[in-house]
Amino acid sequence: MARVKRGLMRHKRHKKIIAMASGYWGRKKNVFSRAHEQVMKSGQYAFRDRRAKKRDFRRLWIARITGACTECDIKYSQLIHGLSLQGIQVNRKMLSELAINDMPAFKAVVEQARAALV
């Protein structure tokens, strides 16, 4: 019975982790144990932040819509409520794009919402 030598597979595994850690600072980029710890932690950060990104963008869109609403003398909550009463389904991303790029169209949407509130 022949013994199993693990040199080749271990070298491949270490090389893969070190490659993933390239660009890190200090020993994290070239010492396997430190690199492995940091690559695992980086994966956790990436997983967490892929979800956080969705929340961050929603907050950004709401902030932009709120700014445009103050120009049109209506509160953000009133705008959203009025649009839901009218049955207008426009997501916040598109509302913020309208507020940035096409203010007359945004004002038309605001007037629709105002009509529902009266």
PDB file of N, CA and C in Angstrom:
ATOM      1  N   MET A   1       0.844  -1.180   0.000  1.00  0.00           N
ATOM      2  CA  MET A   1       0.000   0.000   0.000  1.00  0.00           C
ATOM      3  C   MET A   1       0.892   1.248   0.000  1.00  0.00           C
ATOM      4  N   ALA A   2       0.588   2.169  -0.885  1.00  0.00           N
ATOM      5  CA  ALA A   2       1.413   3.376  -1.019  1.00  0.00           C
ATOM      6  C   ALA A   2       0.847   4.489  -0.151  1.00  0.00           C
ATOM      7  N   ARG A   3       1.715   5.289   0.394  1.00  0.00           N
ATOM      8  CA  ARG A   3       1.254   6.400   1.217  1.00  0.00           C
ATOM      9  C   ARG A   3       0.832   7.565   0.336  1.00  0.00           C
ATOM     10  N   VAL A   4      -0.046   8.377   0.870  1.00  0.00           N
ATOM     11  CA  VAL A   4      -0.573   9.526   0.132  1.00  0.00           C
ATOM     12  C   VAL A   4       0.250  10.750   0.493  1.00  0.00           C
ATOM     13  N   LYS A   5       0.793  11.396  -0.523  1.00  0.00           N
ATOM     14  CA  LYS A   5       1.518  12.643  -0.311  1.00  0.00           C
ATOM     15  C   LYS A   5       0.620  13.790  -0.761  1.00  0.00           C
ATOM     16  N   ARG A   6       0.510  14.777   0.088  1.00  0.00           N
ATOM     17  CA  ARG A   6      -0.466  15.840  -0.186  1.00  0.00           C
ATOM     18  C   ARG A   6       0.166  17.113  -0.745  1.00  0.00           C
ATOM     19  N   GLY A   7       1.398  17.062  -1.113  1.00  0.00           N
ATOM     20  CA  GLY A   7       2.102  18.268  -1.519  1.00  0.00           C
ATOM     21  C   GLY A   7       1.469  19.013  -2.674  1.00  0.00           C
ATOM     22  N   LEU A   8       1.073  18.304  -3.711  1.00  0.00           N
ATOM     23  CA  LEU A   8       0.549  18.949  -4.914  1.00  0.00           C
ATOM     24  C   LEU A   8      -0.767  19.665  -4.634  1.00  0.00           C
ATOM     25  N   MET A   9      -1.703  18.970  -3.996  1.00  0.00           N
ATOM     26  CA  MET A   9      -3.010  19.571  -3.744  1.00  0.00           C
ATOM     27  C   MET A   9      -2.911  20.715  -2.729  1.00  0.00           C
ATOM     28  N   ARG A  10      -2.057  20.526  -1.731  1.00  0.00           N
ATOM     29  CA  ARG A  10      -1.870  21.587  -0.742  1.00  0.00           C
ATOM     30  C   ARG A  10      -1.285  22.826  -1.417  1.00  0.00           C
ATOM     31  N   HIS A  11      -0.332  22.612  -2.296  1.00  0.00           N
ATOM     32  CA  HIS A  11       0.278  23.746  -3.009  1.00  0.00           C
ATOM     33  C   HIS A  11      -0.762  24.469  -3.862  1.00  0.00           C
ATOM     34  N   LYS A  12      -1.610  23.714  -4.555  1.00  0.00           N
ATOM     35  CA  LYS A  12      -2.657  24.329  -5.386  1.00  0.00           C
ATOM     36  C   LYS A  12      -3.639  25.127  -4.530  1.00  0.00           C
ATOM     37  N   ARG A  13      -4.027  24.558  -3.387  1.00  0.00           N
ATOM     38  CA  ARG A  13      -4.986  25.219  -2.502  1.00  0.00           C
ATOM     39  C   ARG A  13      -4.379  26.500  -1.928  1.00  0.00           C
ATOM     40  N   HIS A  14      -3.148  26.409  -1.476  1.00  0.00           N
ATOM     41  CA  HIS A  14      -2.480  27.591  -0.928  1.00  0.00           C
ATOM     42  C   HIS A  14      -2.320  28.668  -1.999  1.00  0.00           C
ATOM     43  N   LYS A  15      -1.947  28.240  -3.193  1.00  0.00           N
ATOM     44  CA  LYS A  15      -1.733  29.193  -4.285  1.00  0.00           C
ATOM     45  C   LYS A  15      -3.029  29.936  -4.625  1.00  0.00           C
ATOM     46  N   LYS A  16      -4.143  29.215  -4.591  1.00  0.00           N
ATOM     47  CA  LYS A  16      -5.446  29.824  -4.889  1.00  0.00           C
ATOM     48  C   LYS A  16      -5.804  30.879  -3.840  1.00  0.00           C
ATOM     49  N   ILE A  17      -5.599  30.549  -2.570  1.00  0.00           N
ATOM     50  CA  ILE A  17      -5.915  31.499  -1.495  1.00  0.00           C
ATOM     51  C   ILE A  17      -5.002  32.717  -1.567  1.00  0.00           C
ATOM     52  N   ILE A  18      -3.711  32.487  -1.796  1.00  0.00           N
ATOM     53  CA  ILE A  18      -2.757  33.599  -1.901  1.00  0.00           C
ATOM     54  C   ILE A  18      -3.123  34.500  -3.081  1.00  0.00           C
ATOM     55  N   ALA A  19      -3.576  33.916  -4.167  1.00  0.00           N
ATOM     56  CA  ALA A  19      -3.999  34.717  -5.321  1.00  0.00           C
ATOM     57  C   ALA A  19      -5.223  35.555  -4.981  1.00  0.00           C
ATOM     58  N   MET A  20      -6.147  34.976  -4.216  1.00  0.00           N
ATOM     59  CA  MET A  20      -7.334  35.728  -3.821  1.00  0.00           C
ATOM     60  C   MET A  20      -6.976  36.861  -2.866  1.00  0.00           C
ATOM     61  N   ALA A  21      -5.877  36.698  -2.117  1.00  0.00           N
ATOM     62  CA  ALA A  21      -5.473  37.700  -1.129  1.00  0.00           C
ATOM     63  C   ALA A  21      -4.522  38.737  -1.702  1.00  0.00           C
ATOM     64  N   SER A  22      -4.239  38.669  -2.994  1.00  0.00           N
ATOM     65  CA  SER A  22      -3.309  39.647  -3.562  1.00  0.00           C
ATOM     66  C   SER A  22      -3.932  41.039  -3.457  1.00  0.00           C
ATOM     67  N   GLY A  23      -3.121  41.984  -3.067  1.00  0.00           N
ATOM     68  CA  GLY A  23      -3.629  43.331  -2.871  1.00  0.00           C
ATOM     69  C   GLY A  23      -3.880  43.663  -1.417  1.00  0.00           C
ATOM     70  N   TYR A  24      -3.881  42.649  -0.543  1.00  0.00           N
ATOM     71  CA  TYR A  24      -4.033  42.914   0.877  1.00  0.00           C
ATOM     72  C   TYR A  24      -2.717  43.454   1.425  1.00  0.00           C
ATOM     73  N   TRP A  25      -2.759  43.999   2.642  1.00  0.00           N
ATOM     74  CA  TRP A  25      -1.600  44.670   3.225  1.00  0.00           C
ATOM     75  C   TRP A  25      -0.867  43.736   4.172  1.00  0.00           C
ATOM     76  N   GLY A  26       0.449  43.829   4.183  1.00  0.00           N
ATOM     77  CA  GLY A  26       1.259  43.109   5.152  1.00  0.00           C
ATOM     78  C   GLY A  26       1.270  41.610   4.922  1.00  0.00           C
ATOM     79  N   ARG A  27       1.283  40.853   6.026  1.00  0.00           N
ATOM     80  CA  ARG A  27       1.365  39.397   5.927  1.00  0.00           C
ATOM     81  C   ARG A  27       0.104  38.774   5.358  1.00  0.00           C
ATOM     82  N   LYS A  28      -0.967  39.531   5.334  1.00  0.00           N
ATOM     83  CA  LYS A  28      -2.231  38.971   4.844  1.00  0.00           C
ATOM     84  C   LYS A  28      -2.147  38.565   3.385  1.00  0.00           C
ATOM     85  N   LYS A  29      -1.190  39.091   2.657  1.00  0.00           N
ATOM     86  CA  LYS A  29      -1.115  38.774   1.231  1.00  0.00           C
ATOM     87  C   LYS A  29      -0.207  37.600   0.902  1.00  0.00           C
ATOM     88  N   ASN A  30       0.710  37.208   1.844  1.00  0.00           N
ATOM     89  CA  ASN A  30       1.670  36.179   1.463  1.00  0.00           C
ATOM     90  C   ASN A  30       1.881  35.066   2.491  1.00  0.00           C
ATOM     91  N   VAL A  31       1.291  35.173   3.674  1.00  0.00           N
ATOM     92  CA  VAL A  31       1.361  34.084   4.656  1.00  0.00           C
ATOM     93  C   VAL A  31       0.027  33.364   4.602  1.00  0.00           C
ATOM     94  N   PHE A  32       0.050  32.064   4.299  1.00  0.00           N
ATOM     95  CA  PHE A  32      -1.192  31.349   4.020  1.00  0.00           C
ATOM     96  C   PHE A  32      -2.207  31.458   5.141  1.00  0.00           C
ATOM     97  N   SER A  33      -1.789  31.221   6.388  1.00  0.00           N
ATOM     98  CA  SER A  33      -2.766  31.203   7.481  1.00  0.00           C
ATOM     99  C   SER A  33      -3.440  32.563   7.624  1.00  0.00           C
ATOM    100  N   ARG A  34      -2.662  33.642   7.541  1.00  0.00           N
ATOM    101  CA  ARG A  34      -3.239  34.998   7.631  1.00  0.00           C
ATOM    102  C   ARG A  34      -4.089  35.306   6.392  1.00  0.00           C
ATOM    103  N   ALA A  35      -3.608  34.884   5.229  1.00  0.00           N
ATOM    104  CA  ALA A  35      -4.347  35.141   3.987  1.00  0.00           C
ATOM    105  C   ALA A  35      -5.682  34.402   4.015  1.00  0.00           C
ATOM    106  N   HIS A  36      -5.677  33.164   4.495  1.00  0.00           N
ATOM    107  CA  HIS A  36      -6.912  32.369   4.539  1.00  0.00           C
ATOM    108  C   HIS A  36      -7.930  33.016   5.463  1.00  0.00           C
ATOM    109  N   GLU A  37      -7.480  33.472   6.638  1.00  0.00           N
ATOM    110  CA  GLU A  37      -8.384  34.159   7.556  1.00  0.00           C
ATOM    111  C   GLU A  37      -9.011  35.376   6.894  1.00  0.00           C
ATOM    112  N   GLN A  38      -8.179  36.170   6.213  1.00  0.00           N
ATOM    113  CA  GLN A  38      -8.671  37.407   5.636  1.00  0.00           C
ATOM    114  C   GLN A  38      -9.578  37.156   4.434  1.00  0.00           C
ATOM    115  N   VAL A  39      -9.276  36.132   3.634  1.00  0.00           N
ATOM    116  CA  VAL A  39     -10.130  35.808   2.484  1.00  0.00           C
ATOM    117  C   VAL A  39     -11.506  35.360   2.979  1.00  0.00           C
ATOM    118  N   MET A  40     -11.531  34.555   4.065  1.00  0.00           N
ATOM    119  CA  MET A  40     -12.821  34.127   4.628  1.00  0.00           C
ATOM    120  C   MET A  40     -13.608  35.332   5.150  1.00  0.00           C
ATOM    121  N   LYS A  41     -12.928  36.234   5.846  1.00  0.00           N
ATOM    122  CA  LYS A  41     -13.600  37.412   6.384  1.00  0.00           C
ATOM    123  C   LYS A  41     -14.080  38.321   5.256  1.00  0.00           C
ATOM    124  N   SER A  42     -13.278  38.437   4.213  1.00  0.00           N
ATOM    125  CA  SER A  42     -13.665  39.269   3.066  1.00  0.00           C
ATOM    126  C   SER A  42     -14.903  38.721   2.386  1.00  0.00           C
ATOM    127  N   GLY A  43     -14.997  37.389   2.342  1.00  0.00           N
ATOM    128  CA  GLY A  43     -16.199  36.765   1.779  1.00  0.00           C
ATOM    129  C   GLY A  43     -17.433  37.082   2.601  1.00  0.00           C
ATOM    130  N   GLN A  44     -17.278  37.116   3.924  1.00  0.00           N
ATOM    131  CA  GLN A  44     -18.405  37.472   4.787  1.00  0.00           C
ATOM    132  C   GLN A  44     -18.820  38.923   4.564  1.00  0.00           C
ATOM    133  N   TYR A  45     -17.820  39.803   4.442  1.00  0.00           N
ATOM    134  CA  TYR A  45     -18.133  41.210   4.179  1.00  0.00           C
ATOM    135  C   TYR A  45     -18.860  41.363   2.844  1.00  0.00           C
ATOM    136  N   ALA A  46     -18.396  40.642   1.824  1.00  0.00           N
ATOM    137  CA  ALA A  46     -19.007  40.738   0.500  1.00  0.00           C
ATOM    138  C   ALA A  46     -20.453  40.268   0.542  1.00  0.00           C
ATOM    139  N   PHE A  47     -20.689  39.151   1.241  1.00  0.00           N
ATOM    140  CA  PHE A  47     -22.044  38.611   1.366  1.00  0.00           C
ATOM    141  C   PHE A  47     -22.960  39.618   2.057  1.00  0.00           C
ATOM    142  N   ARG A  48     -22.474  40.176   3.171  1.00  0.00           N
ATOM    143  CA  ARG A  48     -23.266  41.147   3.929  1.00  0.00           C
ATOM    144  C   ARG A  48     -23.561  42.390   3.103  1.00  0.00           C
ATOM    145  N   ASP A  49     -22.529  42.884   2.412  1.00  0.00           N
ATOM    146  CA  ASP A  49     -22.678  44.165   1.726  1.00  0.00           C
ATOM    147  C   ASP A  49     -23.446  44.074   0.416  1.00  0.00           C
ATOM    148  N   ARG A  50     -23.542  42.875  -0.148  1.00  0.00           N
ATOM    149  CA  ARG A  50     -24.423  42.737  -1.315  1.00  0.00           C
ATOM    150  C   ARG A  50     -25.867  42.997  -0.914  1.00  0.00           C
ATOM    151  N   ARG A  51     -26.219  42.639   0.306  1.00  0.00           N
ATOM    152  CA  ARG A  51     -27.566  42.914   0.802  1.00  0.00           C
ATOM    153  C   ARG A  51     -27.706  44.361   1.270  1.00  0.00           C
ATOM    154  N   ALA A  52     -26.671  44.881   1.899  1.00  0.00           N
ATOM    155  CA  ALA A  52     -26.710  46.263   2.398  1.00  0.00           C
ATOM    156  C   ALA A  52     -26.792  47.257   1.239  1.00  0.00           C
ATOM    157  N   LYS A  53     -26.214  46.890   0.087  1.00  0.00           N
ATOM    158  CA  LYS A  53     -26.214  47.787  -1.074  1.00  0.00           C
ATOM    159  C   LYS A  53     -27.639  48.118  -1.502  1.00  0.00           C
ATOM    160  N   LYS A  54     -28.527  47.140  -1.439  1.00  0.00           N
ATOM    161  CA  LYS A  54     -29.920  47.363  -1.818  1.00  0.00           C
ATOM    162  C   LYS A  54     -30.568  48.378  -0.889  1.00  0.00           C
ATOM    163  N   ARG A  55     -30.281  48.271   0.418  1.00  0.00           N
ATOM    164  CA  ARG A  55     -30.824  49.228   1.385  1.00  0.00           C
ATOM    165  C   ARG A  55     -30.234  50.622   1.171  1.00  0.00           C
ATOM    166  N   ASP A  56     -28.928  50.672   0.892  1.00  0.00           N
ATOM    167  CA  ASP A  56     -28.266  51.960   0.701  1.00  0.00           C
ATOM    168  C   ASP A  56     -28.830  52.707  -0.504  1.00  0.00           C
ATOM    169  N   PHE A  57     -29.052  51.972  -1.604  1.00  0.00           N
ATOM    170  CA  PHE A  57     -29.590  52.628  -2.792  1.00  0.00           C
ATOM    171  C   PHE A  57     -31.010  53.109  -2.559  1.00  0.00           C
ATOM    172  N   ARG A  58     -31.820  52.327  -1.841  1.00  0.00           N
ATOM    173  CA  ARG A  58     -33.179  52.773  -1.544  1.00  0.00           C
ATOM    174  C   ARG A  58     -33.152  54.064  -0.731  1.00  0.00           C
ATOM    175  N   ARG A  59     -32.247  54.141   0.271  1.00  0.00           N
ATOM    176  CA  ARG A  59     -32.120  55.368   1.060  1.00  0.00           C
ATOM    177  C   ARG A  59     -31.710  56.549   0.186  1.00  0.00           C
ATOM    178  N   LEU A  60     -30.805  56.314  -0.769  1.00  0.00           N
ATOM    179  CA  LEU A  60     -30.367  57.376  -1.667  1.00  0.00           C
ATOM    180  C   LEU A  60     -31.527  57.878  -2.523  1.00  0.00           C
ATOM    181  N   TRP A  61     -32.297  56.940  -3.091  1.00  0.00           N
ATOM    182  CA  TRP A  61     -33.430  57.339  -3.933  1.00  0.00           C
ATOM    183  C   TRP A  61     -34.453  58.130  -3.135  1.00  0.00           C
ATOM    184  N   ILE A  62     -34.719  57.698  -1.900  1.00  0.00           N
ATOM    185  CA  ILE A  62     -35.698  58.407  -1.072  1.00  0.00           C
ATOM    186  C   ILE A  62     -35.194  59.809  -0.742  1.00  0.00           C
ATOM    187  N   ALA A  63     -33.901  59.940  -0.479  1.00  0.00           N
ATOM    188  CA  ALA A  63     -33.335  61.269  -0.188  1.00  0.00           C
ATOM    189  C   ALA A  63     -33.474  62.185  -1.403  1.00  0.00           C
ATOM    190  N   ARG A  64     -33.233  61.646  -2.593  1.00  0.00           N
ATOM    191  CA  ARG A  64     -33.359  62.463  -3.808  1.00  0.00           C
ATOM    192  C   ARG A  64     -34.809  62.873  -4.046  1.00  0.00           C
ATOM    193  N   ILE A  65     -35.739  61.946  -3.850  1.00  0.00           N
ATOM    194  CA  ILE A  65     -37.160  62.257  -4.047  1.00  0.00           C
ATOM    195  C   ILE A  65     -37.602  63.297  -3.029  1.00  0.00           C
ATOM    196  N   THR A  66     -37.138  63.161  -1.793  1.00  0.00           N
ATOM    197  CA  THR A  66     -37.494  64.117  -0.745  1.00  0.00           C
ATOM    198  C   THR A  66     -37.019  65.520  -1.112  1.00  0.00           C
ATOM    199  N   GLY A  67     -35.807  65.606  -1.647  1.00  0.00           N
ATOM    200  CA  GLY A  67     -35.296  66.903  -2.073  1.00  0.00           C
ATOM    201  C   GLY A  67     -36.134  67.523  -3.176  1.00  0.00           C
ATOM    202  N   ALA A  68     -36.548  66.694  -4.123  1.00  0.00           N
ATOM    203  CA  ALA A  68     -37.394  67.201  -5.214  1.00  0.00           C
ATOM    204  C   ALA A  68     -38.783  67.558  -4.699  1.00  0.00           C
ATOM    205  N   CYS A  69     -39.275  66.827  -3.698  1.00  0.00           N
ATOM    206  CA  CYS A  69     -40.597  67.113  -3.142  1.00  0.00           C
ATOM    207  C   CYS A  69     -40.623  68.476  -2.460  1.00  0.00           C
ATOM    208  N   THR A  70     -39.520  68.827  -1.788  1.00  0.00           N
ATOM    209  CA  THR A  70     -39.500  70.132  -1.127  1.00  0.00           C
ATOM    210  C   THR A  70     -39.579  71.257  -2.156  1.00  0.00           C
ATOM    211  N   GLU A  71     -39.018  71.036  -3.342  1.00  0.00           N
ATOM    212  CA  GLU A  71     -39.149  72.030  -4.412  1.00  0.00           C
ATOM    213  C   GLU A  71     -40.591  72.162  -4.876  1.00  0.00           C
ATOM    214  N   CYS A  72     -41.325  71.067  -4.815  1.00  0.00           N
ATOM    215  CA  CYS A  72     -42.717  71.055  -5.292  1.00  0.00           C
ATOM    216  C   CYS A  72     -43.723  71.286  -4.165  1.00  0.00           C
ATOM    217  N   ASP A  73     -43.253  71.641  -2.961  1.00  0.00           N
ATOM    218  CA  ASP A  73     -44.118  71.923  -1.806  1.00  0.00           C
ATOM    219  C   ASP A  73     -45.042  70.765  -1.458  1.00  0.00           C
ATOM    220  N   ILE A  74     -44.472  69.575  -1.366  1.00  0.00           N
ATOM    221  CA  ILE A  74     -45.225  68.407  -0.913  1.00  0.00           C
ATOM    222  C   ILE A  74     -44.265  67.533  -0.107  1.00  0.00           C
ATOM    223  N   LYS A  75     -44.797  66.845   0.877  1.00  0.00           N
ATOM    224  CA  LYS A  75     -43.950  65.945   1.654  1.00  0.00           C
ATOM    225  C   LYS A  75     -43.804  64.623   0.903  1.00  0.00           C
ATOM    226  N   TYR A  76     -42.690  63.964   1.174  1.00  0.00           N
ATOM    227  CA  TYR A  76     -42.428  62.662   0.545  1.00  0.00           C
ATOM    228  C   TYR A  76     -43.543  61.668   0.870  1.00  0.00           C
ATOM    229  N   SER A  77     -43.950  61.617   2.134  1.00  0.00           N
ATOM    230  CA  SER A  77     -44.971  60.651   2.536  1.00  0.00           C
ATOM    231  C   SER A  77     -46.304  60.934   1.846  1.00  0.00           C
ATOM    232  N   GLN A  78     -46.610  62.225   1.670  1.00  0.00           N
ATOM    233  CA  GLN A  78     -47.845  62.590   0.978  1.00  0.00           C
ATOM    234  C   GLN A  78     -47.784  62.175  -0.491  1.00  0.00           C
ATOM    235  N   LEU A  79     -46.624  62.363  -1.103  1.00  0.00           N
ATOM    236  CA  LEU A  79     -46.439  61.963  -2.502  1.00  0.00           C
ATOM    237  C   LEU A  79     -46.685  60.466  -2.670  1.00  0.00           C
ATOM    238  N   ILE A  80     -46.046  59.659  -1.820  1.00  0.00           N
ATOM    239  CA  ILE A  80     -46.179  58.209  -1.931  1.00  0.00           C
ATOM    240  C   ILE A  80     -47.617  57.779  -1.655  1.00  0.00           C
ATOM    241  N   HIS A  81     -48.242  58.390  -0.655  1.00  0.00           N
ATOM    242  CA  HIS A  81     -49.633  58.058  -0.332  1.00  0.00           C
ATOM    243  C   HIS A  81     -50.562  58.427  -1.490  1.00  0.00           C
ATOM    244  N   GLY A  82     -50.359  59.625  -2.042  1.00  0.00           N
ATOM    245  CA  GLY A  82     -51.194  60.059  -3.169  1.00  0.00           C
ATOM    246  C   GLY A  82     -51.038  59.161  -4.383  1.00  0.00           C
ATOM    247  N   LEU A  83     -49.807  58.737  -4.663  1.00  0.00           N
ATOM    248  CA  LEU A  83     -49.586  57.839  -5.801  1.00  0.00           C
ATOM    249  C   LEU A  83     -50.260  56.488  -5.579  1.00  0.00           C
ATOM    250  N   SER A  84     -50.227  55.995  -4.356  1.00  0.00           N
ATOM    251  CA  SER A  84     -50.871  54.706  -4.094  1.00  0.00           C
ATOM    252  C   SER A  84     -52.390  54.826  -4.182  1.00  0.00           C
ATOM    253  N   LEU A  85     -52.944  55.982  -3.757  1.00  0.00           N
ATOM    254  CA  LEU A  85     -54.390  56.193  -3.896  1.00  0.00           C
ATOM    255  C   LEU A  85     -54.807  56.246  -5.364  1.00  0.00           C
ATOM    256  N   GLN A  86     -53.963  56.839  -6.190  1.00  0.00           N
ATOM    257  CA  GLN A  86     -54.257  56.935  -7.628  1.00  0.00           C
ATOM    258  C   GLN A  86     -54.032  55.608  -8.345  1.00  0.00           C
ATOM    259  N   GLY A  87     -53.330  54.701  -7.691  1.00  0.00           N
ATOM    260  CA  GLY A  87     -53.015  53.433  -8.346  1.00  0.00           C
ATOM    261  C   GLY A  87     -51.832  53.538  -9.290  1.00  0.00           C
ATOM    262  N   ILE A  88     -51.022  54.573  -9.107  1.00  0.00           N
ATOM    263  CA  ILE A  88     -49.836  54.751  -9.943  1.00  0.00           C
ATOM    264  C   ILE A  88     -48.695  53.971  -9.308  1.00  0.00           C
ATOM    265  N   GLN A  89     -48.148  53.021 -10.060  1.00  0.00           N
ATOM    266  CA  GLN A  89     -47.062  52.199  -9.537  1.00  0.00           C
ATOM    267  C   GLN A  89     -45.753  52.599 -10.213  1.00  0.00           C
ATOM    268  N   VAL A  90     -45.042  53.505  -9.551  1.00  0.00           N
ATOM    269  CA  VAL A  90     -43.718  53.920 -10.015  1.00  0.00           C
ATOM    270  C   VAL A  90     -42.767  53.651  -8.864  1.00  0.00           C
ATOM    271  N   ASN A  91     -41.698  52.908  -9.131  1.00  0.00           N
ATOM    272  CA  ASN A  91     -40.773  52.611  -8.030  1.00  0.00           C
ATOM    273  C   ASN A  91     -39.907  53.827  -7.708  1.00  0.00           C
ATOM    274  N   ARG A  92     -39.260  53.767  -6.569  1.00  0.00           N
ATOM    275  CA  ARG A  92     -38.511  54.919  -6.074  1.00  0.00           C
ATOM    276  C   ARG A  92     -37.297  55.228  -6.941  1.00  0.00           C
ATOM    277  N   LYS A  93     -36.732  54.208  -7.549  1.00  0.00           N
ATOM    278  CA  LYS A  93     -35.587  54.430  -8.438  1.00  0.00           C
ATOM    279  C   LYS A  93     -36.003  55.306  -9.621  1.00  0.00           C
ATOM    280  N   MET A  94     -37.141  54.988 -10.221  1.00  0.00           N
ATOM    281  CA  MET A  94     -37.603  55.763 -11.370  1.00  0.00           C
ATOM    282  C   MET A  94     -38.050  57.162 -10.958  1.00  0.00           C
ATOM    283  N   LEU A  95     -38.668  57.275  -9.782  1.00  0.00           N
ATOM    284  CA  LEU A  95     -39.049  58.602  -9.296  1.00  0.00           C
ATOM    285  C   LEU A  95     -37.813  59.480  -9.093  1.00  0.00           C
ATOM    286  N   SER A  96     -36.737  58.901  -8.557  1.00  0.00           N
ATOM    287  CA  SER A  96     -35.530  59.701  -8.352  1.00  0.00           C
ATOM    288  C   SER A  96     -34.891  60.074  -9.686  1.00  0.00           C
ATOM    289  N   GLU A  97     -34.946  59.164 -10.664  1.00  0.00           N
ATOM    290  CA  GLU A  97     -34.427  59.490 -11.998  1.00  0.00           C
ATOM    291  C   GLU A  97     -35.230  60.634 -12.622  1.00  0.00           C
ATOM    292  N   LEU A  98     -36.557  60.598 -12.456  1.00  0.00           N
ATOM    293  CA  LEU A  98     -37.386  61.700 -12.955  1.00  0.00           C
ATOM    294  C   LEU A  98     -37.012  63.006 -12.259  1.00  0.00           C
ATOM    295  N   ALA A  99     -36.822  62.939 -10.951  1.00  0.00           N
ATOM    296  CA  ALA A  99     -36.501  64.147 -10.186  1.00  0.00           C
ATOM    297  C   ALA A  99     -35.175  64.756 -10.635  1.00  0.00           C
ATOM    298  N   ILE A 100     -34.222  63.895 -11.021  1.00  0.00           N
ATOM    299  CA  ILE A 100     -32.908  64.395 -11.434  1.00  0.00           C
ATOM    300  C   ILE A 100     -32.933  64.875 -12.880  1.00  0.00           C
ATOM    301  N   ASN A 101     -33.467  64.048 -13.778  1.00  0.00           N
ATOM    302  CA  ASN A 101     -33.301  64.292 -15.209  1.00  0.00           C
ATOM    303  C   ASN A 101     -34.476  64.981 -15.892  1.00  0.00           C
ATOM    304  N   ASP A 102     -35.681  64.878 -15.325  1.00  0.00           N
ATOM    305  CA  ASP A 102     -36.862  65.400 -16.010  1.00  0.00           C
ATOM    306  C   ASP A 102     -37.820  65.999 -14.978  1.00  0.00           C
ATOM    307  N   MET A 103     -37.489  67.182 -14.497  1.00  0.00           N
ATOM    308  CA  MET A 103     -38.286  67.801 -13.441  1.00  0.00           C
ATOM    309  C   MET A 103     -39.730  68.092 -13.859  1.00  0.00           C
ATOM    310  N   PRO A 104     -39.998  68.526 -15.094  1.00  0.00           N
ATOM    311  CA  PRO A 104     -41.410  68.724 -15.481  1.00  0.00           C
ATOM    312  C   PRO A 104     -42.241  67.442 -15.368  1.00  0.00           C
ATOM    313  N   ALA A 105     -41.667  66.322 -15.734  1.00  0.00           N
ATOM    314  CA  ALA A 105     -42.386  65.045 -15.602  1.00  0.00           C
ATOM    315  C   ALA A 105     -42.613  64.712 -14.130  1.00  0.00           C
ATOM    316  N   PHE A 106     -41.621  64.986 -13.285  1.00  0.00           N
ATOM    317  CA  PHE A 106     -41.772  64.736 -11.852  1.00  0.00           C
ATOM    318  C   PHE A 106     -42.886  65.615 -11.290  1.00  0.00           C
ATOM    319  N   LYS A 107     -42.939  66.876 -11.737  1.00  0.00           N
ATOM    320  CA  LYS A 107     -44.002  67.772 -11.260  1.00  0.00           C
ATOM    321  C   LYS A 107     -45.377  67.288 -11.700  1.00  0.00           C
ATOM    322  N   ALA A 108     -45.446  66.685 -12.890  1.00  0.00           N
ATOM    323  CA  ALA A 108     -46.715  66.117 -13.352  1.00  0.00           C
ATOM    324  C   ALA A 108     -47.140  64.954 -12.454  1.00  0.00           C
ATOM    325  N   VAL A 109     -46.194  64.149 -12.044  1.00  0.00           N
ATOM    326  CA  VAL A 109     -46.489  63.039 -11.134  1.00  0.00           C
ATOM    327  C   VAL A 109     -46.953  63.586  -9.791  1.00  0.00           C
ATOM    328  N   VAL A 110     -46.313  64.654  -9.329  1.00  0.00           N
ATOM    329  CA  VAL A 110     -46.704  65.276  -8.056  1.00  0.00           C
ATOM    330  C   VAL A 110     -48.129  65.803  -8.145  1.00  0.00           C
ATOM    331  N   GLU A 111     -48.484  66.399  -9.264  1.00  0.00           N
ATOM    332  CA  GLU A 111     -49.853  66.918  -9.428  1.00  0.00           C
ATOM    333  C   GLU A 111     -50.878  65.778  -9.402  1.00  0.00           C
ATOM    334  N   GLN A 112     -50.520  64.651  -9.988  1.00  0.00           N
ATOM    335  CA  GLN A 112     -51.398  63.464  -9.925  1.00  0.00           C
ATOM    336  C   GLN A 112     -51.609  63.042  -8.463  1.00  0.00           C
ATOM    337  N   ALA A 113     -50.543  63.044  -7.694  1.00  0.00           N
ATOM    338  CA  ALA A 113     -50.635  62.649  -6.291  1.00  0.00           C
ATOM    339  C   ALA A 113     -51.449  63.660  -5.498  1.00  0.00           C
ATOM    340  N   ARG A 114     -51.262  64.943  -5.788  1.00  0.00           N
ATOM    341  CA  ARG A 114     -52.025  65.992  -5.103  1.00  0.00           C
ATOM    342  C   ARG A 114     -53.518  65.849  -5.373  1.00  0.00           C
ATOM    343  N   ALA A 115     -53.863  65.500  -6.619  1.00  0.00           N
ATOM    344  CA  ALA A 115     -55.272  65.359  -6.989  1.00  0.00           C
ATOM    345  C   ALA A 115     -55.927  64.249  -6.163  1.00  0.00           C
ATOM    346  N   ALA A 116     -55.190  63.220  -5.857  1.00  0.00           N
ATOM    347  CA  ALA A 116     -55.753  62.124  -5.072  1.00  0.00           C
ATOM    348  C   ALA A 116     -55.915  62.504  -3.611  1.00  0.00           C
ATOM    349  N   LEU A 117     -55.052  63.396  -3.117  1.00  0.00           N
ATOM    350  CA  LEU A 117     -55.104  63.762  -1.706  1.00  0.00           C
ATOM    351  C   LEU A 117     -56.245  64.724  -1.390  1.00  0.00           C
ATOM    352  N   VAL A 118     -56.715  65.496  -2.378  1.00  0.00           N
ATOM    353  CA  VAL A 118     -57.763  66.499  -2.133  1.00  0.00           C
ATOM    354  C   VAL A 118     -59.137  65.886  -2.051  1.00  0.00           C
TER     355      VAL A 118
END
